[in-house]
PDB file of N, CA and C in Angstrom:
ATOM      1  N   MET A   1      70.097   1.822  -1.304  1.00  0.00           N
ATOM      2  CA  MET A   1      70.010   2.959  -1.838  1.00  0.00           C
ATOM      3  C   MET A   1      68.751   2.662  -2.841  1.00  0.00           C
ATOM      4  N   HIS A   2      67.992   3.819  -2.911  1.00  0.00           N
ATOM      5  CA  HIS A   2      66.964   3.806  -4.114  1.00  0.00           C
ATOM      6  C   HIS A   2      67.237   5.038  -5.186  1.00  0.00           C
ATOM      7  N   LEU A   3      66.840   4.983  -6.153  1.00  0.00           N
ATOM      8  CA  LEU A   3      67.328   5.584  -7.229  1.00  0.00           C
ATOM      9  C   LEU A   3      66.701   5.668  -8.378  1.00  0.00           C
ATOM     10  N   LEU A   4      66.028   6.982  -8.652  1.00  0.00           N
ATOM     11  CA  LEU A   4      65.393   6.604 -10.156  1.00  0.00           C
ATOM     12  C   LEU A   4      65.827   7.271 -11.066  1.00  0.00           C
ATOM     13  N   VAL A   5      66.252   6.651 -12.237  1.00  0.00           N
ATOM     14  CA  VAL A   5      66.792   7.339 -13.721  1.00  0.00           C
ATOM     15  C   VAL A   5      66.152   7.031 -14.301  1.00  0.00           C
ATOM     16  N   ARG A   6      66.188   8.027 -15.715  1.00  0.00           N
ATOM     17  CA  ARG A   6      65.726   7.665 -16.837  1.00  0.00           C
ATOM     18  C   ARG A   6      66.829   7.258 -17.875  1.00  0.00           C
ATOM     19  N   VAL A   7      66.659   5.789 -18.178  1.00  0.00           N
ATOM     20  CA  VAL A   7      67.805   5.033 -19.225  1.00  0.00           C
ATOM     21  C   VAL A   7      67.073   5.602 -20.617  1.00  0.00           C
ATOM     22  N   PRO A   8      68.218   5.883 -21.368  1.00  0.00           N
ATOM     23  CA  PRO A   8      67.817   5.949 -22.847  1.00  0.00           C
ATOM     24  C   PRO A   8      67.872   4.861 -23.618  1.00  0.00           C
ATOM     25  N   ALA A   9      66.440   4.655 -24.477  1.00  0.00           N
ATOM     26  CA  ALA A   9      66.586   3.736 -24.991  1.00  0.00           C
ATOM     27  C   ALA A   9      67.789   2.798 -25.646  1.00  0.00           C
ATOM     28  N   PRO A  10      68.751   3.638 -26.241  1.00  0.00           N
ATOM     29  CA  PRO A  10      69.880   2.638 -26.526  1.00  0.00           C
ATOM     30  C   PRO A  10      70.844   1.713 -25.446  1.00  0.00           C
ATOM     31  N   ARG A  11      70.269   2.186 -24.460  1.00  0.00           N
ATOM     32  CA  ARG A  11      71.251   1.753 -23.116  1.00  0.00           C
ATOM     33  C   ARG A  11      70.790   0.742 -22.491  1.00  0.00           C
ATOM     34  N   SER A  12      71.366  -0.076 -21.830  1.00  0.00           N
ATOM     35  CA  SER A  12      70.783  -1.230 -21.071  1.00  0.00           C
ATOM     36  C   SER A  12      71.042  -1.015 -19.868  1.00  0.00           C
ATOM     37  N   ILE A  13      70.062  -1.391 -18.763  1.00  0.00           N
ATOM     38  CA  ILE A  13      69.901  -1.295 -17.492  1.00  0.00           C
ATOM     39  C   ILE A  13      71.377  -1.456 -17.025  1.00  0.00           C
ATOM     40  N   SER A  14      71.883  -2.634 -17.230  1.00  0.00           N
ATOM     41  CA  SER A  14      72.869  -3.502 -16.710  1.00  0.00           C
ATOM     42  C   SER A  14      74.056  -2.576 -16.731  1.00  0.00           C
ATOM     43  N   GLU A  15      74.247  -1.783 -18.119  1.00  0.00           N
ATOM     44  CA  GLU A  15      75.088  -0.821 -18.393  1.00  0.00           C
ATOM     45  C   GLU A  15      75.199   0.348 -17.634  1.00  0.00           C
ATOM     46  N   MET A  16      73.876   0.797 -17.098  1.00  0.00           N
ATOM     47  CA  MET A  16      73.427   2.211 -16.429  1.00  0.00           C
ATOM     48  C   MET A  16      73.951   1.895 -15.201  1.00  0.00           C
ATOM     49  N   ALA A  17      73.803   0.735 -14.653  1.00  0.00           N
ATOM     50  CA  ALA A  17      74.034   0.051 -13.218  1.00  0.00           C
ATOM     51  C   ALA A  17      75.465   0.228 -13.388  1.00  0.00           C
ATOM     52  N   ARG A  18      76.186  -0.099 -14.026  1.00  0.00           N
ATOM     53  CA  ARG A  18      77.854  -0.391 -13.913  1.00  0.00           C
ATOM     54  C   ARG A  18      78.504   0.959 -13.897  1.00  0.00           C
ATOM     55  N   VAL A  19      77.685   2.023 -15.162  1.00  0.00           N
ATOM     56  CA  VAL A  19      78.316   3.369 -14.889  1.00  0.00           C
ATOM     57  C   VAL A  19      78.050   4.075 -13.680  1.00  0.00           C
ATOM     58  N   LEU A  20      77.198   4.002 -13.274  1.00  0.00           N
ATOM     59  CA  LEU A  20      76.646   4.722 -12.029  1.00  0.00           C
ATOM     60  C   LEU A  20      77.285   4.052 -10.797  1.00  0.00           C
ATOM     61  N   LYS A  21      77.828   2.726 -10.474  1.00  0.00           N
ATOM     62  CA  LYS A  21      78.582   2.268  -9.219  1.00  0.00           C
ATOM     63  C   LYS A  21      79.903   2.848  -9.704  1.00  0.00           C
ATOM     64  N   THR A  22      80.154   2.765 -10.855  1.00  0.00           N
ATOM     65  CA  THR A  22      81.679   2.853 -11.115  1.00  0.00           C
ATOM     66  C   THR A  22      82.342   4.505 -10.738  1.00  0.00           C
ATOM     67  N   ASN A  23      81.150   5.395 -11.301  1.00  0.00           N
ATOM     68  CA  ASN A  23      81.516   6.626 -10.983  1.00  0.00           C
ATOM     69  C   ASN A  23      81.557   7.180  -9.795  1.00  0.00           C
ATOM     70  N   SER A  24      80.037   6.658  -9.090  1.00  0.00           N
ATOM     71  CA  SER A  24      79.782   7.132  -7.743  1.00  0.00           C
ATOM     72  C   SER A  24      81.010   6.484  -6.763  1.00  0.00           C
ATOM     73  N   SER A  25      81.383   5.523  -6.931  1.00  0.00           N
ATOM     74  CA  SER A  25      82.571   4.838  -6.048  1.00  0.00           C
ATOM     75  C   SER A  25      83.968   5.560  -6.540  1.00  0.00           C
ATOM     76  N   ARG A  26      83.983   6.199  -7.752  1.00  0.00           N
ATOM     77  CA  ARG A  26      85.293   7.299  -7.911  1.00  0.00           C
ATOM     78  C   ARG A  26      85.187   8.281  -6.979  1.00  0.00           C
ATOM     79  N   TRP A  27      83.577   8.889  -6.823  1.00  0.00           N
ATOM     80  CA  TRP A  27      83.446  10.361  -6.591  1.00  0.00           C
ATOM     81  C   TRP A  27      83.900   9.811  -5.042  1.00  0.00           C
ATOM     82  N   ILE A  28      83.315   8.946  -4.159  1.00  0.00           N
ATOM     83  CA  ILE A  28      83.245   8.536  -2.511  1.00  0.00           C
ATOM     84  C   ILE A  28      85.026   8.574  -2.672  1.00  0.00           C
ATOM     85  N   HIS A  29      85.370   7.928  -3.324  1.00  0.00           N
ATOM     86  CA  HIS A  29      86.871   7.658  -2.897  1.00  0.00           C
ATOM     87  C   HIS A  29      87.733   8.930  -3.094  1.00  0.00           C
ATOM     88  N   GLU A  30      87.563   9.916  -3.866  1.00  0.00           N
ATOM     89  CA  GLU A  30      88.175  10.790  -4.203  1.00  0.00           C
ATOM     90  C   GLU A  30      87.511  11.862  -2.944  1.00  0.00           C
ATOM     91  N   LYS A  31      86.403  12.013  -2.576  1.00  0.00           N
ATOM     92  CA  LYS A  31      85.944  13.091  -1.797  1.00  0.00           C
ATOM     93  C   LYS A  31      86.182  12.547  -0.412  1.00  0.00           C
ATOM     94  N   TRP A  32      85.770  11.515  -0.028  1.00  0.00           N
ATOM     95  CA  TRP A  32      86.205  10.665   1.314  1.00  0.00           C
ATOM     96  C   TRP A  32      87.311   9.636   1.435  1.00  0.00           C
ATOM     97  N   PRO A  33      88.509  10.147   1.194  1.00  0.00           N
ATOM     98  CA  PRO A  33      89.485   9.242   1.418  1.00  0.00           C
ATOM     99  C   PRO A  33      89.481   7.920   2.530  1.00  0.00           C
ATOM    100  N   GLU A  34      89.119   8.405   3.316  1.00  0.00           N
ATOM    101  CA  GLU A  34      88.818   7.652   4.754  1.00  0.00           C
ATOM    102  C   GLU A  34      87.839   6.547   4.685  1.00  0.00           C
ATOM    103  N   HIS A  35      87.129   6.409   3.524  1.00  0.00           N
ATOM    104  CA  HIS A  35      85.827   5.332   3.318  1.00  0.00           C
ATOM    105  C   HIS A  35      86.668   4.823   2.036  1.00  0.00           C
ATOM    106  N   LYS A  36      88.107   4.340   2.251  1.00  0.00           N
ATOM    107  CA  LYS A  36      88.775   3.658   1.026  1.00  0.00           C
ATOM    108  C   LYS A  36      87.999   2.102   0.932  1.00  0.00           C
ATOM    109  N   GLU A  37      87.455   1.520   2.037  1.00  0.00           N
ATOM    110  CA  GLU A  37      86.622   0.201   2.094  1.00  0.00           C
ATOM    111  C   GLU A  37      85.386   0.207   1.258  1.00  0.00           C
ATOM    112  N   PHE A  38      84.913   1.751   0.981  1.00  0.00           N
ATOM    113  CA  PHE A  38      83.487   1.579   0.465  1.00  0.00           C
ATOM    114  C   PHE A  38      83.507   1.024  -0.875  1.00  0.00           C
ATOM    115  N   SER A  39      82.611   0.074  -1.292  1.00  0.00           N
ATOM    116  CA  SER A  39      82.219  -0.814  -2.397  1.00  0.00           C
ATOM    117  C   SER A  39      80.968  -1.031  -2.285  1.00  0.00           C
ATOM    118  N   TRP A  40      80.699  -0.943  -3.839  1.00  0.00           N
ATOM    119  CA  TRP A  40      79.057  -1.608  -3.726  1.00  0.00           C
ATOM    120  C   TRP A  40      78.830  -3.162  -4.112  1.00  0.00           C
ATOM    121  N   GLN A  41      77.733  -3.568  -3.295  1.00  0.00           N
ATOM    122  CA  GLN A  41      77.541  -4.852  -3.733  1.00  0.00           C
ATOM    123  C   GLN A  41      77.213  -5.535  -5.313  1.00  0.00           C
ATOM    124  N   THR A  42      77.497  -6.822  -5.063  1.00  0.00           N
ATOM    125  CA  THR A  42      77.755  -7.493  -6.585  1.00  0.00           C
ATOM    126  C   THR A  42      76.775  -6.931  -7.087  1.00  0.00           C
ATOM    127  N   GLY A  43      75.454  -7.466  -6.594  1.00  0.00           N
ATOM    128  CA  GLY A  43      74.068  -7.111  -7.487  1.00  0.00           C
ATOM    129  C   GLY A  43      73.635  -5.878  -7.658  1.00  0.00           C
ATOM    130  N   SER A  44      72.488  -5.843  -8.388  1.00  0.00           N
ATOM    131  CA  SER A  44      71.867  -4.751  -8.151  1.00  0.00           C
ATOM    132  C   SER A  44      70.254  -4.998  -8.810  1.00  0.00           C
ATOM    133  N   GLY A  45      69.168  -4.738  -8.616  1.00  0.00           N
ATOM    134  CA  GLY A  45      67.512  -4.827  -8.867  1.00  0.00           C
ATOM    135  C   GLY A  45      67.325  -3.421  -9.594  1.00  0.00           C
ATOM    136  N   ALA A  46      66.551  -3.952 -10.612  1.00  0.00           N
ATOM    137  CA  ALA A  46      65.996  -2.276 -11.416  1.00  0.00           C
ATOM    138  C   ALA A  46      64.311  -2.839 -12.189  1.00  0.00           C
ATOM    139  N   PHE A  47      63.585  -1.782 -11.998  1.00  0.00           N
ATOM    140  CA  PHE A  47      62.215  -1.838 -11.925  1.00  0.00           C
ATOM    141  C   PHE A  47      61.795  -1.161 -13.089  1.00  0.00           C
ATOM    142  N   SER A  48      60.704  -1.283 -13.758  1.00  0.00           N
ATOM    143  CA  SER A  48      60.400  -0.092 -14.702  1.00  0.00           C
ATOM    144  C   SER A  48      59.353   0.662 -14.124  1.00  0.00           C
ATOM    145  N   VAL A  49      59.423   1.773 -14.284  1.00  0.00           N
ATOM    146  CA  VAL A  49      58.122   2.672 -13.669  1.00  0.00           C
ATOM    147  C   VAL A  49      57.587   3.224 -14.955  1.00  0.00           C
ATOM    148  N   SER A  50      56.157   3.313 -15.094  1.00  0.00           N
ATOM    149  CA  SER A  50      55.260   4.198 -16.260  1.00  0.00           C
ATOM    150  C   SER A  50      55.614   5.365 -15.974  1.00  0.00           C
ATOM    151  N   THR A  51      55.463   6.444 -16.938  1.00  0.00           N
ATOM    152  CA  THR A  51      55.396   7.923 -16.911  1.00  0.00           C
ATOM    153  C   THR A  51      54.370   8.220 -15.869  1.00  0.00           C
ATOM    154  N   SER A  52      53.415   7.944 -15.768  1.00  0.00           N
ATOM    155  CA  SER A  52      52.332   8.073 -15.001  1.00  0.00           C
ATOM    156  C   SER A  52      52.564   7.895 -13.652  1.00  0.00           C
ATOM    157  N   ASN A  53      53.503   7.075 -13.143  1.00  0.00           N
ATOM    158  CA  ASN A  53      53.484   6.612 -11.747  1.00  0.00           C
ATOM    159  C   ASN A  53      55.173   7.437 -11.384  1.00  0.00           C
ATOM    160  N   ILE A  54      55.840   8.053 -12.188  1.00  0.00           N
ATOM    161  CA  ILE A  54      57.105   9.027 -11.899  1.00  0.00           C
ATOM    162  C   ILE A  54      56.787   9.913 -10.544  1.00  0.00           C
ATOM    163  N   ALA A  55      55.522  10.342 -10.371  1.00  0.00           N
ATOM    164  CA  ALA A  55      55.391  11.140  -9.316  1.00  0.00           C
ATOM    165  C   ALA A  55      55.335  10.513  -7.872  1.00  0.00           C
ATOM    166  N   ALA A  56      54.819   9.189  -7.873  1.00  0.00           N
ATOM    167  CA  ALA A  56      54.452   8.238  -6.734  1.00  0.00           C
ATOM    168  C   ALA A  56      55.534   7.580  -6.367  1.00  0.00           C
ATOM    169  N   VAL A  57      56.380   7.275  -7.129  1.00  0.00           N
ATOM    170  CA  VAL A  57      57.722   6.445  -6.971  1.00  0.00           C
ATOM    171  C   VAL A  57      58.870   7.608  -6.724  1.00  0.00           C
ATOM    172  N   THR A  58      59.051   8.953  -7.379  1.00  0.00           N
ATOM    173  CA  THR A  58      59.547  10.272  -6.522  1.00  0.00           C
ATOM    174  C   THR A  58      59.589  10.188  -5.064  1.00  0.00           C
ATOM    175  N   LYS A  59      58.167  10.370  -4.808  1.00  0.00           N
ATOM    176  CA  LYS A  59      57.858  10.670  -3.487  1.00  0.00           C
ATOM    177  C   LYS A  59      58.308   9.421  -2.630  1.00  0.00           C
ATOM    178  N   TYR A  60      58.075   8.248  -2.991  1.00  0.00           N
ATOM    179  CA  TYR A  60      58.434   6.762  -2.177  1.00  0.00           C
ATOM    180  C   TYR A  60      59.875   7.127  -2.048  1.00  0.00           C
ATOM    181  N   VAL A  61      60.914   7.493  -2.993  1.00  0.00           N
ATOM    182  CA  VAL A  61      62.436   7.665  -2.959  1.00  0.00           C
ATOM    183  C   VAL A  61      62.415   8.708  -1.919  1.00  0.00           C
ATOM    184  N   ALA A  62      61.845   9.689  -2.057  1.00  0.00           N
ATOM    185  CA  ALA A  62      62.132  10.729  -0.990  1.00  0.00           C
ATOM    186  C   ALA A  62      62.241  10.486   0.588  1.00  0.00           C
ATOM    187  N   GLU A  63      61.104   9.502   0.684  1.00  0.00           N
ATOM    188  CA  GLU A  63      60.502   9.470   2.102  1.00  0.00           C
ATOM    189  C   GLU A  63      60.915   7.688   2.283  1.00  0.00           C
ATOM    190  N   HIS A  64      61.976   7.072   1.774  1.00  0.00           N
ATOM    191  CA  HIS A  64      62.372   5.811   1.901  1.00  0.00           C
ATOM    192  C   HIS A  64      62.843   5.551   3.382  1.00  0.00           C
ATOM    193  N   GLU A  65      63.635   6.641   4.037  1.00  0.00           N
ATOM    194  CA  GLU A  65      64.240   6.374   5.053  1.00  0.00           C
ATOM    195  C   GLU A  65      63.246   6.271   6.416  1.00  0.00           C
ATOM    196  N   GLU A  66      62.147   7.366   6.242  1.00  0.00           N
ATOM    197  CA  GLU A  66      61.153   7.340   7.132  1.00  0.00           C
ATOM    198  C   GLU A  66      60.014   5.891   7.056  1.00  0.00           C
ATOM    199  N   HIS A  67      60.000   5.549   5.954  1.00  0.00           N
ATOM    200  CA  HIS A  67      58.938   4.592   5.432  1.00  0.00           C
ATOM    201  C   HIS A  67      59.806   3.120   6.079  1.00  0.00           C
ATOM    202  N   HIS A  68      61.073   3.099   5.793  1.00  0.00           N
ATOM    203  CA  HIS A  68      61.870   2.114   6.594  1.00  0.00           C
ATOM    204  C   HIS A  68      61.997   1.758   7.989  1.00  0.00           C
ATOM    205  N   LYS A  69      61.479   2.718   8.706  1.00  0.00           N
ATOM    206  CA  LYS A  69      61.361   2.628   9.968  1.00  0.00           C
ATOM    207  C   LYS A  69      60.616   1.798  10.723  1.00  0.00           C
ATOM    208  N   THR A  70      59.387   1.817   9.935  1.00  0.00           N
ATOM    209  CA  THR A  70      58.407   0.740  10.117  1.00  0.00           C
ATOM    210  C   THR A  70      58.346  -0.701   9.762  1.00  0.00           C
ATOM    211  N   ARG A  71      59.314  -0.569   8.252  1.00  0.00           N
ATOM    212  CA  ARG A  71      59.040  -2.252   7.545  1.00  0.00           C
ATOM    213  C   ARG A  71      60.747  -2.077   7.013  1.00  0.00           C
ATOM    214  N   SER A  72      61.065  -3.232   7.071  1.00  0.00           N
ATOM    215  CA  SER A  72      62.239  -3.498   6.558  1.00  0.00           C
ATOM    216  C   SER A  72      62.363  -3.142   4.983  1.00  0.00           C
ATOM    217  N   PHE A  73      63.662  -2.815   4.510  1.00  0.00           N
ATOM    218  CA  PHE A  73      63.338  -2.872   3.023  1.00  0.00           C
ATOM    219  C   PHE A  73      63.970  -4.442   2.298  1.00  0.00           C
ATOM    220  N   GLN A  74      63.947  -5.379   3.214  1.00  0.00           N
ATOM    221  CA  GLN A  74      64.212  -7.095   3.113  1.00  0.00           C
ATOM    222  C   GLN A  74      62.912  -7.154   2.863  1.00  0.00           C
ATOM    223  N   ASP A  75      62.044  -7.151   3.919  1.00  0.00           N
ATOM    224  CA  ASP A  75      60.319  -7.548   3.900  1.00  0.00           C
ATOM    225  C   ASP A  75      59.501  -6.832   2.894  1.00  0.00           C
ATOM    226  N   GLU A  76      60.102  -5.778   2.429  1.00  0.00           N
ATOM    227  CA  GLU A  76      59.295  -4.842   1.458  1.00  0.00           C
ATOM    228  C   GLU A  76      59.756  -5.444   0.195  1.00  0.00           C
ATOM    229  N   PHE A  77      61.016  -5.722  -0.055  1.00  0.00           N
ATOM    230  CA  PHE A  77      61.196  -6.167  -1.277  1.00  0.00           C
ATOM    231  C   PHE A  77      60.748  -7.250  -1.634  1.00  0.00           C
ATOM    232  N   ILE A  78      60.812  -8.298  -0.612  1.00  0.00           N
ATOM    233  CA  ILE A  78      59.997 -10.059  -0.771  1.00  0.00           C
ATOM    234  C   ILE A  78      58.727  -9.724  -0.916  1.00  0.00           C
ATOM    235  N   ALA A  79      58.074  -8.697  -0.202  1.00  0.00           N
ATOM    236  CA  ALA A  79      56.499  -8.888  -0.674  1.00  0.00           C
ATOM    237  C   ALA A  79      55.982  -8.330  -1.878  1.00  0.00           C
ATOM    238  N   PHE A  80      56.820  -7.242  -2.413  1.00  0.00           N
ATOM    239  CA  PHE A  80      57.301  -6.680  -3.689  1.00  0.00           C
ATOM    240  C   PHE A  80      57.086  -7.990  -5.009  1.00  0.00           C
ATOM    241  N   LEU A  81      58.162  -8.616  -4.725  1.00  0.00           N
ATOM    242  CA  LEU A  81      58.365  -9.943  -5.662  1.00  0.00           C
ATOM    243  C   LEU A  81      57.378 -10.738  -5.795  1.00  0.00           C
ATOM    244  N   ARG A  82      57.005 -10.845  -4.567  1.00  0.00           N
ATOM    245  CA  ARG A  82      55.778 -12.045  -4.334  1.00  0.00           C
ATOM    246  C   ARG A  82      54.225 -11.206  -5.160  1.00  0.00           C
ATOM    247  N   LYS A  83      54.234 -10.474  -4.807  1.00  0.00           N
ATOM    248  CA  LYS A  83      52.895  -9.474  -5.021  1.00  0.00           C
ATOM    249  C   LYS A  83      52.955  -9.331  -6.771  1.00  0.00           C
ATOM    250  N   ASN A  84      54.238  -9.279  -7.617  1.00  0.00           N
ATOM    251  CA  ASN A  84      54.208  -9.301  -8.955  1.00  0.00           C
ATOM    252  C   ASN A  84      54.345 -10.678  -9.522  1.00  0.00           C
ATOM    253  N   GLY A  85      54.612 -11.805  -8.524  1.00  0.00           N
ATOM    254  CA  GLY A  85      54.375 -12.861  -9.343  1.00  0.00           C
ATOM    255  C   GLY A  85      56.073 -13.268 -10.066  1.00  0.00           C
ATOM    256  N   ILE A  86      57.125 -12.713  -9.160  1.00  0.00           N
ATOM    257  CA  ILE A  86      58.372 -12.827  -9.495  1.00  0.00           C
ATOM    258  C   ILE A  86      59.227 -13.628  -8.844  1.00  0.00           C
ATOM    259  N   VAL A  87      59.618 -14.665  -9.734  1.00  0.00           N
ATOM    260  CA  VAL A  87      60.348 -15.778  -9.077  1.00  0.00           C
ATOM    261  C   VAL A  87      61.779 -15.562  -8.834  1.00  0.00           C
ATOM    262  N   TYR A  88      62.385 -15.664  -7.338  1.00  0.00           N
ATOM    263  CA  TYR A  88      63.405 -15.503  -6.854  1.00  0.00           C
ATOM    264  C   TYR A  88      64.049 -16.587  -5.857  1.00  0.00           C
ATOM    265  N   ASP A  89      65.231 -16.513  -5.794  1.00  0.00           N
ATOM    266  CA  ASP A  89      65.802 -17.591  -5.013  1.00  0.00           C
ATOM    267  C   ASP A  89      66.865 -16.608  -3.979  1.00  0.00           C
ATOM    268  N   GLU A  90      66.338 -16.778  -2.581  1.00  0.00           N
ATOM    269  CA  GLU A  90      66.602 -15.710  -1.706  1.00  0.00           C
ATOM    270  C   GLU A  90      68.087 -16.170  -1.526  1.00  0.00           C
ATOM    271  N   ARG A  91      69.017 -17.230  -1.842  1.00  0.00           N
ATOM    272  CA  ARG A  91      70.404 -17.188  -1.420  1.00  0.00           C
ATOM    273  C   ARG A  91      71.405 -16.313  -2.471  1.00  0.00           C
ATOM    274  N   TYR A  92      70.541 -15.427  -3.227  1.00  0.00           N
ATOM    275  CA  TYR A  92      71.198 -14.761  -4.323  1.00  0.00           C
ATOM    276  C   TYR A  92      70.685 -13.423  -4.324  1.00  0.00           C
ATOM    277  N   ILE A  93      69.640 -13.195  -3.359  1.00  0.00           N
ATOM    278  CA  ILE A  93      69.186 -11.609  -3.538  1.00  0.00           C
ATOM    279  C   ILE A  93      69.882 -10.808  -2.173  1.00  0.00           C
ATOM    280  N   TRP A  94      70.566 -11.209  -1.624  1.00  0.00           N
ATOM    281  CA  TRP A  94      71.031 -10.637  -0.681  1.00  0.00           C
ATOM    282  C   TRP A  94      72.647 -10.743  -0.163  1.00  0.00           C
ATOM    283  N   ASP A  95      73.156 -10.891  -1.235  1.00  0.00           N
ATOM    284  CA  ASP A  95      74.720 -10.801  -1.229  1.00  0.00           C
ATOM    285  C   ASP A  95      75.051  -9.677  -1.592  1.00  0.00           C
TER     286      ASP A  95
END
């Protein structure tokens, strides 16, 4: 899932992820009881976006399904990490 949110300054990204996961899980379980097995993965990822790039990121989020027909999320994510010099351990990014 791709989601673009503005995190208020006094809030941490991990707190926002916890709140989003908790509330959306509750909503899904209440709205669709047949999906009682639904749960979020244990991890999450977050990246900051400058105000000047919000329009481009919003467009990407809106078109991500079409985009991922030609390039998997996993491939794109690894390329993003490498391009930005972000150190990662593949044992921990896909669980």
